[in-house]
Amino acid sequence: MSTSPNVVESAQFEKRTVRKITGRIIPFVFLLYIVNYIDRANIGYASLHMNAELGLTSQAFGFAAGLFFIGYFLFEVPSNVALAKFGARVWIARILLTWGVLAVLMGFVQNDLQLFIIRFLLGVAEAGFFPGIIVYLSFWFRSKDLVTATSLFVASIPVSYIIASPLSTLIMETVNWFGLSGWRWMFILEGFPAVLLGIACFFVLTGSPAEAKWLSTEERNWLVSELKAEREAASEHTQHLSLFKTLANKKVLYLGIIYFVYQVGSLGVGYWLPQIIKSLADTLTAMQIGLIGMVPYIVATIAMIWWGRHSDQKAERKLHCYLPMGVAAIAMFAAAIFESPVLVISSITIALAGLYAFKSPFWAVPGQFLSAATAGTAVAAINSIGNLGGFVGPYAQGIMMDVVDDPRAGLYLFGFLLVLSTTMMFLIKLPATSKRGGVRVTATGHGIPPTTSGSGKVESK
């Protein structure tokens, strides 16, 4: 049976338009998140020299690394509310400018108290960035494209480690200007780009599709109508809740607990990976540790993008969440048991690949049972609860490190917690998926973007 030329032309137009939107938006937000993660995670590499200079114990370092997430937790939902009021472009720019200044100030701390204060304020400044970008992507991508777009954006997390590993250690070993230690210059030089990108946000980010002059009139009208149709189709099936009811929703809290447990393991490993690698061979230089640290994140990047696309193709989220997390749990135990450095690094690589593959399908889940405007707040709430795990993981690892003097001791705890989160994800009940008009979407209209005004602000219904 031959395909109508109009159908073929329509499909080509659709693919061309989505590629154009992806090419315009994803590279920039990808860059923003790379800088974001470098500035929050480079303390792990700084610890190779900073701990001795400031006289930090392992527990104090873990506490400092985790304090970021306390600030993030307290201010993430308020930040998401502010984004709805001021618009994504303005608020995301504000976030970058303030965190950039604080990231630079990290290079001037003189004691543990100053380090604690700046790390906490850095979390306050960055709060709302991730859910803000997730909401912003939902302004531009239909449900069937959203997880792929999200996976391309979130892939910047492992990529940031790939970049930060050699860059941070190179700066630490080669830059000692004006008598300042290399780790101080690492914070200064890696914090400054956030300030420049904050200014760039005002010129690069477009508030909404209706304002996109870089799209042709035909492309703009098609996108606006597609997103409007999805919102209308979803309104019959999804639940819209007030801010406080969203925060108290049992399923939102359940997902928040899952993400909390997940983050304990993921960030516990992430912040301590340089110390884990160092413990495997005392003769390694900081630069060599950085190069080895790249490997797990290269694999994790590939796994994240491939698994996100597979989730979209199958229109399935639940299995795509618990399966990679279960694999990560097994690999975490293996990394704790093995003695061979090659096997330890290989196991950590598999664990991180599973952990990062989990992310994109997971963030598609709230839209399966909540309206899009409510799902935006739910994402902020879940991420906020989960980020408490970012405090618990590094801090718990630091306590165990002081007790047993082995950076791998915490891997047993992380493995057990990942088994718990895998089980919880397996047990959650989600709406079934279906096909509408040949397009795979969830039965509740997963990923439908929030209703937006011309400025790109989220409007309540």
Protein backbone atom coordinates (compact mmCIF):
# COMPACT_ATOMS: atom_id res chain seq x y z
CA MET A 1 0.00 0.00 0.00
CA SER A 2 1.55 3.31 -1.13
CA THR A 3 1.87 6.29 1.17
CA SER A 4 0.16 9.54 0.18
CA PRO A 5 2.61 12.31 -0.84
CA ASN A 6 0.84 14.68 1.56
CA VAL A 7 1.40 12.26 4.44
CA VAL A 8 5.08 11.92 3.53
CA GLU A 9 5.51 15.69 3.25
CA SER A 10 3.72 16.20 6.56
CA ALA A 11 5.97 13.66 8.31
CA GLN A 12 9.07 15.28 6.84
CA PHE A 13 7.87 18.72 7.91
CA GLU A 14 7.22 17.43 11.43
CA LYS A 15 10.68 15.84 11.75
CA ARG A 16 12.37 18.91 10.29
CA THR A 17 10.58 21.24 12.71
CA VAL A 18 11.35 19.09 15.77
CA ARG A 19 15.01 18.92 14.71
CA LYS A 20 15.08 22.68 14.35
CA ILE A 21 13.58 23.21 17.80
CA THR A 22 15.94 20.65 19.30
CA GLY A 23 18.96 22.24 17.63
CA ARG A 24 18.01 25.67 18.92
CA ILE A 25 17.13 24.83 22.54
CA ILE A 26 18.94 21.67 23.64
CA PRO A 27 22.58 22.72 23.01
CA PHE A 28 22.17 25.88 25.11
CA VAL A 29 20.37 24.30 28.08
CA PHE A 30 22.83 21.39 27.78
CA LEU A 31 25.68 23.88 28.21
CA LEU A 32 23.92 25.52 31.16
CA TYR A 33 23.57 22.22 32.99
CA ILE A 34 27.19 21.27 32.31
CA VAL A 35 28.31 24.48 34.00
CA ASN A 36 25.74 23.89 36.75
CA TYR A 37 27.01 20.44 37.58
CA ILE A 38 30.67 21.38 37.35
CA ASP A 39 30.11 24.18 39.88
CA ARG A 40 28.25 21.95 42.33
CA ALA A 41 30.39 18.81 41.95
CA ASN A 42 33.93 20.15 41.53
CA ILE A 43 34.30 20.15 45.32
CA GLY A 44 34.97 16.41 44.95
CA TYR A 45 38.17 17.13 43.06
CA ALA A 46 39.04 20.09 45.26
CA SER A 47 39.02 17.69 48.21
CA LEU A 48 42.21 16.08 46.93
CA HIS A 49 44.09 19.22 48.08
CA MET A 50 41.54 21.42 49.86
CA ASN A 51 40.88 19.07 52.78
CA ALA A 52 44.49 19.15 53.92
CA GLU A 53 44.86 22.93 53.47
CA LEU A 54 41.70 23.73 55.42
CA GLY A 55 42.17 20.91 57.91
CA LEU A 56 38.92 19.15 57.00
CA THR A 57 38.09 15.68 58.26
CA SER A 58 36.30 13.29 55.90
CA GLN A 59 33.10 13.90 57.87
CA ALA A 60 33.46 17.69 57.56
CA PHE A 61 34.05 17.40 53.83
CA GLY A 62 30.99 15.16 53.40
CA PHE A 63 28.97 17.66 55.42
CA ALA A 64 30.15 20.57 53.24
CA ALA A 65 29.41 18.67 50.03
CA GLY A 66 25.93 17.77 51.25
CA LEU A 67 25.00 21.21 52.63
CA PHE A 68 24.40 22.35 49.07
CA PHE A 69 21.33 20.13 48.96
CA ILE A 70 19.86 21.50 52.18
CA GLY A 71 19.75 24.96 50.61
CA TYR A 72 18.41 23.42 47.43
CA PHE A 73 15.70 21.56 49.34
CA LEU A 74 14.47 24.60 51.26
CA PHE A 75 14.21 26.91 48.27
CA GLU A 76 13.42 24.71 45.27
CA VAL A 77 9.62 24.88 45.40
CA PRO A 78 9.60 28.67 46.14
CA SER A 79 11.98 29.09 43.22
CA ASN A 80 9.64 27.15 40.94
CA VAL A 81 6.74 29.39 42.03
CA ALA A 82 8.88 32.44 41.24
CA LEU A 83 9.64 30.99 37.80
CA ALA A 84 5.91 30.81 37.13
CA LYS A 85 5.57 34.46 38.13
CA PHE A 86 8.55 35.98 36.34
CA GLY A 87 8.88 33.61 33.38
CA ALA A 88 11.45 30.94 32.61
CA ARG A 89 13.91 33.16 30.75
CA VAL A 90 14.21 35.82 33.47
CA TRP A 91 14.29 33.41 36.39
CA ILE A 92 16.78 30.98 34.84
CA ALA A 93 19.06 33.95 34.10
CA ARG A 94 18.78 35.06 37.75
CA ILE A 95 19.69 31.59 38.95
CA LEU A 96 22.84 31.50 36.81
CA LEU A 97 24.03 34.96 37.83
CA THR A 98 23.74 34.35 41.57
CA TRP A 99 25.20 30.86 41.56
CA GLY A 100 28.11 32.05 39.38
CA VAL A 101 29.07 34.70 41.93
CA LEU A 102 28.88 32.22 44.81
CA ALA A 103 30.84 29.57 42.90
CA VAL A 104 33.66 32.10 42.45
CA LEU A 105 33.56 32.95 46.18
CA MET A 106 34.22 29.27 46.94
CA GLY A 107 37.80 30.00 45.90
CA PHE A 108 38.30 32.43 48.79
CA VAL A 109 37.07 30.42 51.80
CA GLN A 110 39.57 30.27 54.68
CA ASN A 111 38.02 27.74 57.06
CA ASP A 112 35.35 25.07 57.38
CA LEU A 113 32.64 27.50 58.57
CA GLN A 114 33.04 29.74 55.52
CA LEU A 115 32.98 26.67 53.30
CA PHE A 116 29.75 25.47 54.93
CA ILE A 117 28.06 28.86 54.48
CA ILE A 118 29.01 29.26 50.81
CA ARG A 119 27.99 25.68 49.96
CA PHE A 120 24.60 26.23 51.58
CA LEU A 121 24.07 29.53 49.74
CA LEU A 122 25.15 27.92 46.47
CA GLY A 123 22.31 25.44 46.91
CA VAL A 124 19.89 28.30 47.63
CA ALA A 125 21.03 30.11 44.47
CA GLU A 126 20.75 27.04 42.22
CA ALA A 127 17.40 25.92 43.64
CA GLY A 128 14.77 25.65 40.94
CA PHE A 129 17.17 25.40 38.01
CA PHE A 130 16.47 21.77 37.11
CA PRO A 131 12.65 21.86 37.41
CA GLY A 132 12.74 25.23 35.67
CA ILE A 133 14.46 23.74 32.65
CA ILE A 134 12.13 20.71 32.70
CA VAL A 135 9.12 23.06 32.62
CA TYR A 136 10.78 25.13 29.90
CA LEU A 137 11.31 22.04 27.72
CA SER A 138 7.64 21.19 28.12
CA PHE A 139 6.81 24.53 26.47
CA TRP A 140 8.48 23.30 23.28
CA PHE A 141 8.24 19.51 22.99
CA ARG A 142 5.23 17.26 22.54
CA SER A 143 4.70 14.27 24.78
CA LYS A 144 6.22 11.80 22.33
CA ASP A 145 9.39 13.90 22.04
CA LEU A 146 9.72 15.08 25.63
CA VAL A 147 11.63 12.20 27.22
CA THR A 148 14.15 12.16 24.37
CA ALA A 149 14.60 15.93 24.76
CA THR A 150 14.91 15.52 28.52
CA SER A 151 17.47 12.72 28.17
CA LEU A 152 19.55 14.89 25.83
CA PHE A 153 19.41 17.69 28.41
CA VAL A 154 20.09 15.48 31.44
CA ALA A 155 22.94 13.77 29.57
CA SER A 156 24.84 16.95 30.37
CA ILE A 157 25.25 15.63 33.95
CA PRO A 158 27.63 12.79 33.09
CA VAL A 159 29.18 14.96 30.37
CA SER A 160 29.93 17.59 33.03
CA TYR A 161 31.90 14.97 34.95
CA ILE A 162 33.71 13.98 31.75
CA ILE A 163 34.74 17.61 31.29
CA ALA A 164 35.30 18.42 34.96
CA SER A 165 37.52 15.41 35.66
CA PRO A 166 40.50 16.48 33.52
CA LEU A 167 39.73 20.22 33.58
CA SER A 168 39.47 20.56 37.36
CA THR A 169 42.56 18.50 38.06
CA LEU A 170 44.53 20.27 35.31
CA ILE A 171 43.73 23.67 36.85
CA MET A 172 44.60 22.39 40.32
CA GLU A 173 48.01 21.15 39.21
CA THR A 174 49.05 23.97 36.87
CA VAL A 175 47.43 27.24 38.01
CA ASN A 176 48.88 28.91 41.12
CA TRP A 177 48.66 32.59 40.24
CA PHE A 178 49.16 35.30 42.88
CA GLY A 179 50.03 32.72 45.51
CA LEU A 180 46.56 31.12 45.52
CA SER A 181 46.35 27.33 45.57
CA GLY A 182 45.26 25.47 42.45
CA TRP A 183 42.00 24.28 44.01
CA ARG A 184 41.05 27.91 44.68
CA TRP A 185 41.63 28.86 41.05
CA MET A 186 39.57 25.84 40.01
CA PHE A 187 36.53 27.28 41.83
CA ILE A 188 37.16 30.80 40.48
CA LEU A 189 37.74 29.86 36.84
CA GLU A 190 34.91 27.30 36.72
CA GLY A 191 32.43 29.64 38.44
CA PHE A 192 32.86 32.63 36.14
CA PRO A 193 31.18 31.06 33.03
CA ALA A 194 27.86 30.88 34.90
CA VAL A 195 27.82 34.68 35.18
CA LEU A 196 28.41 35.08 31.44
CA LEU A 197 25.77 32.49 30.58
CA GLY A 198 23.29 34.18 32.91
CA ILE A 199 23.60 37.31 30.80
CA ALA A 200 23.34 35.24 27.61
CA CYS A 201 20.01 33.76 28.77
CA PHE A 202 18.27 37.07 28.11
CA PHE A 203 19.28 36.87 24.45
CA VAL A 204 19.20 33.13 23.71
CA LEU A 205 16.14 31.75 25.51
CA THR A 206 12.74 32.40 23.90
CA GLY A 207 9.78 32.65 26.27
CA SER A 208 7.28 30.56 24.29
CA PRO A 209 6.71 29.09 20.80
CA ALA A 210 4.44 32.01 19.93
CA GLU A 211 7.45 34.33 20.31
CA ALA A 212 9.88 32.17 18.31
CA LYS A 213 10.93 34.37 15.38
CA TRP A 214 13.55 31.76 14.49
CA LEU A 215 10.68 29.47 13.42
CA SER A 216 8.82 30.12 10.18
CA THR A 217 5.16 31.12 10.45
CA GLU A 218 4.12 27.64 9.30
CA GLU A 219 6.41 25.93 11.83
CA ARG A 220 5.30 28.22 14.65
CA ASN A 221 1.60 27.72 13.95
CA TRP A 222 2.05 23.93 13.71
CA LEU A 223 3.87 23.73 17.04
CA VAL A 224 1.37 25.95 18.87
CA SER A 225 -1.56 23.93 17.54
CA GLU A 226 0.09 20.60 18.40
CA LEU A 227 0.77 21.63 21.97
CA LYS A 228 -2.70 23.10 22.37
CA ALA A 229 -4.30 19.89 21.10
CA GLU A 230 -2.29 17.82 23.57
CA ARG A 231 -3.31 20.07 26.47
CA GLU A 232 -6.96 19.75 25.55
CA ALA A 233 -6.69 15.96 25.17
CA ALA A 234 -4.95 15.67 28.52
CA SER A 235 -7.38 17.88 30.45
CA GLU A 236 -9.99 15.11 30.57
CA HIS A 237 -7.67 12.59 32.20
CA THR A 238 -5.15 14.42 34.37
CA GLN A 239 -5.63 15.87 37.81
CA HIS A 240 -4.97 19.54 38.54
CA LEU A 241 -4.10 20.35 42.15
CA SER A 242 -3.27 23.46 44.13
CA LEU A 243 0.31 24.00 45.31
CA PHE A 244 -0.29 22.60 48.79
CA LYS A 245 -2.36 19.66 47.57
CA THR A 246 0.40 18.82 45.10
CA LEU A 247 2.98 18.78 47.89
CA ALA A 248 0.68 16.56 50.01
CA ASN A 249 -0.25 14.19 47.15
CA LYS A 250 0.60 10.63 48.22
CA LYS A 251 2.00 9.62 44.84
CA VAL A 252 4.15 12.75 44.64
CA LEU A 253 5.54 12.02 48.11
CA TYR A 254 6.09 8.38 47.13
CA LEU A 255 8.10 9.42 44.07
CA GLY A 256 9.98 11.91 46.25
CA ILE A 257 11.04 9.08 48.59
CA ILE A 258 12.17 6.97 45.62
CA TYR A 259 14.24 9.87 44.32
CA PHE A 260 15.64 10.57 47.79
CA VAL A 261 16.91 7.00 48.13
CA TYR A 262 18.23 7.11 44.57
CA GLN A 263 20.10 10.37 45.20
CA VAL A 264 21.79 9.02 48.32
CA GLY A 265 23.47 6.38 46.17
CA SER A 266 24.05 8.45 43.04
CA LEU A 267 25.55 11.55 44.68
CA GLY A 268 27.27 9.56 47.40
CA VAL A 269 29.31 7.91 44.67
CA GLY A 270 29.63 11.04 42.54
CA TYR A 271 31.20 13.29 45.17
CA TRP A 272 33.49 10.56 46.54
CA LEU A 273 34.59 9.00 43.25
CA PRO A 274 37.95 10.86 43.21
CA GLN A 275 38.68 9.59 46.73
CA ILE A 276 37.59 6.05 45.78
CA ILE A 277 39.93 6.06 42.77
CA LYS A 278 42.76 7.45 44.90
CA SER A 279 42.29 4.65 47.44
CA LEU A 280 42.83 2.05 44.70
CA ALA A 281 46.35 3.31 43.91
CA ASP A 282 48.15 5.83 46.13
CA THR A 283 50.63 6.68 43.38
CA LEU A 284 48.04 8.30 41.10
CA THR A 285 48.30 12.05 40.54
CA ALA A 286 45.23 14.29 40.63
CA MET A 287 45.32 14.52 36.84
CA GLN A 288 45.43 10.74 36.46
CA ILE A 289 42.51 10.41 38.88
CA GLY A 290 40.59 12.90 36.75
CA LEU A 291 41.24 10.95 33.55
CA ILE A 292 40.15 7.67 35.11
CA GLY A 293 37.08 9.41 36.52
CA MET A 294 35.97 10.28 32.99
CA VAL A 295 35.38 6.66 31.99
CA PRO A 296 32.23 5.87 34.03
CA TYR A 297 30.55 9.06 32.86
CA ILE A 298 31.29 8.48 29.19
CA VAL A 299 29.47 5.15 29.44
CA ALA A 300 26.68 6.73 31.53
CA THR A 301 26.09 9.40 28.87
CA ILE A 302 25.62 6.82 26.12
CA ALA A 303 23.36 4.69 28.33
CA MET A 304 21.20 7.67 29.32
CA ILE A 305 20.50 8.86 25.77
CA TRP A 306 19.88 5.36 24.37
CA TRP A 307 17.60 4.32 27.24
CA GLY A 308 15.60 7.56 27.07
CA ARG A 309 14.93 7.04 23.36
CA HIS A 310 14.00 3.42 24.01
CA SER A 311 11.50 4.58 26.63
CA ASP A 312 9.91 6.96 24.11
CA GLN A 313 9.78 4.31 21.40
CA LYS A 314 8.03 1.85 23.70
CA ALA A 315 5.88 4.56 25.37
CA GLU A 316 6.77 2.90 28.67
CA ARG A 317 8.17 4.47 31.84
CA LYS A 318 7.88 2.14 34.83
CA LEU A 319 10.09 -0.74 33.65
CA HIS A 320 12.50 1.79 32.18
CA CYS A 321 12.87 3.21 35.70
CA TYR A 322 13.24 0.16 37.92
CA LEU A 323 15.28 -2.07 35.59
CA PRO A 324 18.39 0.18 35.27
CA MET A 325 18.20 1.05 38.97
CA GLY A 326 18.21 -2.66 39.85
CA VAL A 327 21.27 -3.18 37.67
CA ALA A 328 22.94 -0.24 39.45
CA ALA A 329 22.23 -1.82 42.84
CA ILE A 330 23.93 -5.10 41.87
CA ALA A 331 26.92 -3.25 40.41
CA MET A 332 27.24 -1.14 43.58
CA PHE A 333 27.58 -4.27 45.72
CA ALA A 334 30.10 -5.65 43.23
CA ALA A 335 32.21 -2.48 43.46
CA ALA A 336 32.30 -2.84 47.25
CA ILE A 337 33.30 -6.53 47.14
CA PHE A 338 35.92 -6.62 44.37
CA GLU A 339 39.57 -5.91 45.17
CA SER A 340 40.88 -5.50 41.63
CA PRO A 341 41.01 -1.79 40.65
CA VAL A 342 39.86 -2.69 37.12
CA LEU A 343 36.83 -4.61 38.42
CA VAL A 344 35.98 -1.87 40.92
CA ILE A 345 36.02 0.85 38.26
CA SER A 346 34.10 -1.41 35.85
CA SER A 347 31.43 -2.04 38.47
CA ILE A 348 31.13 1.65 39.30
CA THR A 349 30.83 2.35 35.57
CA ILE A 350 27.90 -0.08 35.27
CA ALA A 351 26.32 1.37 38.40
CA LEU A 352 26.50 4.94 37.12
CA ALA A 353 25.19 3.88 33.69
CA GLY A 354 22.14 2.38 35.39
CA LEU A 355 21.67 5.38 37.68
CA TYR A 356 21.74 7.89 34.85
CA ALA A 357 19.58 5.76 32.53
CA PHE A 358 16.89 5.90 35.22
CA LYS A 359 16.61 9.70 35.24
CA SER A 360 14.78 10.63 32.03
CA PRO A 361 11.98 8.03 32.22
CA PHE A 362 11.51 8.89 35.90
CA TRP A 363 10.86 12.57 35.19
CA ALA A 364 8.16 11.57 32.71
CA VAL A 365 6.17 9.80 35.43
CA PRO A 366 4.48 12.81 37.17
CA GLY A 367 2.79 13.79 33.91
CA GLN A 368 1.10 10.39 33.78
CA PHE A 369 -1.24 11.20 36.66
CA LEU A 370 -1.15 15.00 37.04
CA SER A 371 -2.05 17.91 34.78
CA ALA A 372 0.97 19.59 33.23
CA ALA A 373 0.78 22.76 35.33
CA THR A 374 0.56 20.60 38.45
CA ALA A 375 3.27 18.25 37.17
CA GLY A 376 5.68 21.20 37.02
CA THR A 377 5.23 21.81 40.74
CA ALA A 378 5.39 18.06 41.40
CA VAL A 379 8.74 17.84 39.62
CA ALA A 380 10.06 20.62 41.87
CA ALA A 381 8.66 18.89 44.98
CA ILE A 382 10.06 15.47 44.04
CA ASN A 383 13.43 16.94 43.12
CA SER A 384 13.45 18.93 46.36
CA ILE A 385 12.76 15.87 48.52
CA GLY A 386 15.22 13.83 46.51
CA ASN A 387 17.96 16.37 46.91
CA LEU A 388 17.97 15.74 50.65
CA GLY A 389 19.57 12.49 49.55
CA GLY A 390 22.32 14.63 48.11
CA PHE A 391 23.08 15.71 51.66
CA VAL A 392 22.72 12.28 53.27
CA GLY A 393 24.83 10.40 50.70
CA PRO A 394 28.09 12.39 50.85
CA TYR A 395 27.75 12.96 54.62
CA ALA A 396 27.10 9.28 55.39
CA GLN A 397 30.06 8.37 53.23
CA GLY A 398 32.23 10.85 55.14
CA ILE A 399 31.19 9.38 58.51
CA MET A 400 31.96 5.83 57.33
CA MET A 401 35.25 7.00 55.88
CA ASP A 402 36.34 8.41 59.24
CA VAL A 403 35.35 5.15 60.99
CA VAL A 404 36.85 2.54 58.65
CA ASP A 405 39.21 4.66 56.50
CA ASP A 406 37.90 3.11 53.26
CA PRO A 407 36.00 5.25 50.68
CA ARG A 408 34.28 2.09 49.39
CA ALA A 409 32.61 1.30 52.72
CA GLY A 410 29.57 3.37 51.82
CA LEU A 411 28.94 1.37 48.64
CA TYR A 412 27.23 -1.36 50.65
CA LEU A 413 24.79 1.20 52.05
CA PHE A 414 24.21 2.71 48.62
CA GLY A 415 23.58 -0.71 47.09
CA PHE A 416 21.03 -1.58 49.76
CA LEU A 417 19.20 1.73 49.28
CA LEU A 418 19.07 1.21 45.52
CA VAL A 419 17.46 -2.20 46.09
CA LEU A 420 14.85 -0.37 48.18
CA SER A 421 14.18 2.30 45.54
CA THR A 422 14.04 -0.35 42.79
CA THR A 423 11.42 -2.26 44.76
CA MET A 424 9.37 0.88 45.39
CA MET A 425 9.45 1.79 41.69
CA PHE A 426 8.39 -1.74 40.76
CA LEU A 427 5.40 -1.56 43.10
CA ILE A 428 4.06 1.83 42.03
CA LYS A 429 0.82 1.80 40.03
CA LEU A 430 0.78 4.01 36.95
CA PRO A 431 -1.84 4.50 34.20
CA ALA A 432 -1.49 2.28 31.16
CA THR A 433 -0.22 3.69 27.88
CA SER A 434 -2.00 3.75 24.55
CA LYS A 435 -1.70 4.95 20.98
CA ARG A 436 -3.71 7.88 19.76
CA GLY A 437 -3.71 8.66 16.09
CA GLY A 438 -0.54 6.64 15.56
CA VAL A 439 1.35 8.65 18.17
CA ARG A 440 2.48 6.88 21.32
CA VAL A 441 1.47 8.81 24.41
CA THR A 442 0.41 7.83 27.86
CA ALA A 443 -3.27 7.33 28.57
CA THR A 444 -3.18 10.42 30.73
CA GLY A 445 -1.38 12.63 28.27
CA HIS A 446 2.12 12.33 29.74
CA GLY A 447 4.39 15.29 29.33
CA ILE A 448 1.80 17.79 28.10
CA PRO A 449 3.26 21.24 28.61
CA PRO A 450 1.78 23.70 31.05
CA THR A 451 -0.60 26.31 29.76
CA THR A 452 1.57 29.29 29.02
CA SER A 453 1.06 32.94 28.40
CA GLY A 454 2.82 34.80 25.67
CA SER A 455 5.72 35.48 27.99
CA GLY A 456 6.26 31.85 28.71
CA LYS A 457 4.90 32.03 32.26
CA VAL A 458 2.96 29.12 33.65
CA GLU A 459 -0.70 29.92 34.11
CA SER A 460 -2.94 28.21 36.62
CA LYS A 461 -6.21 26.77 35.42
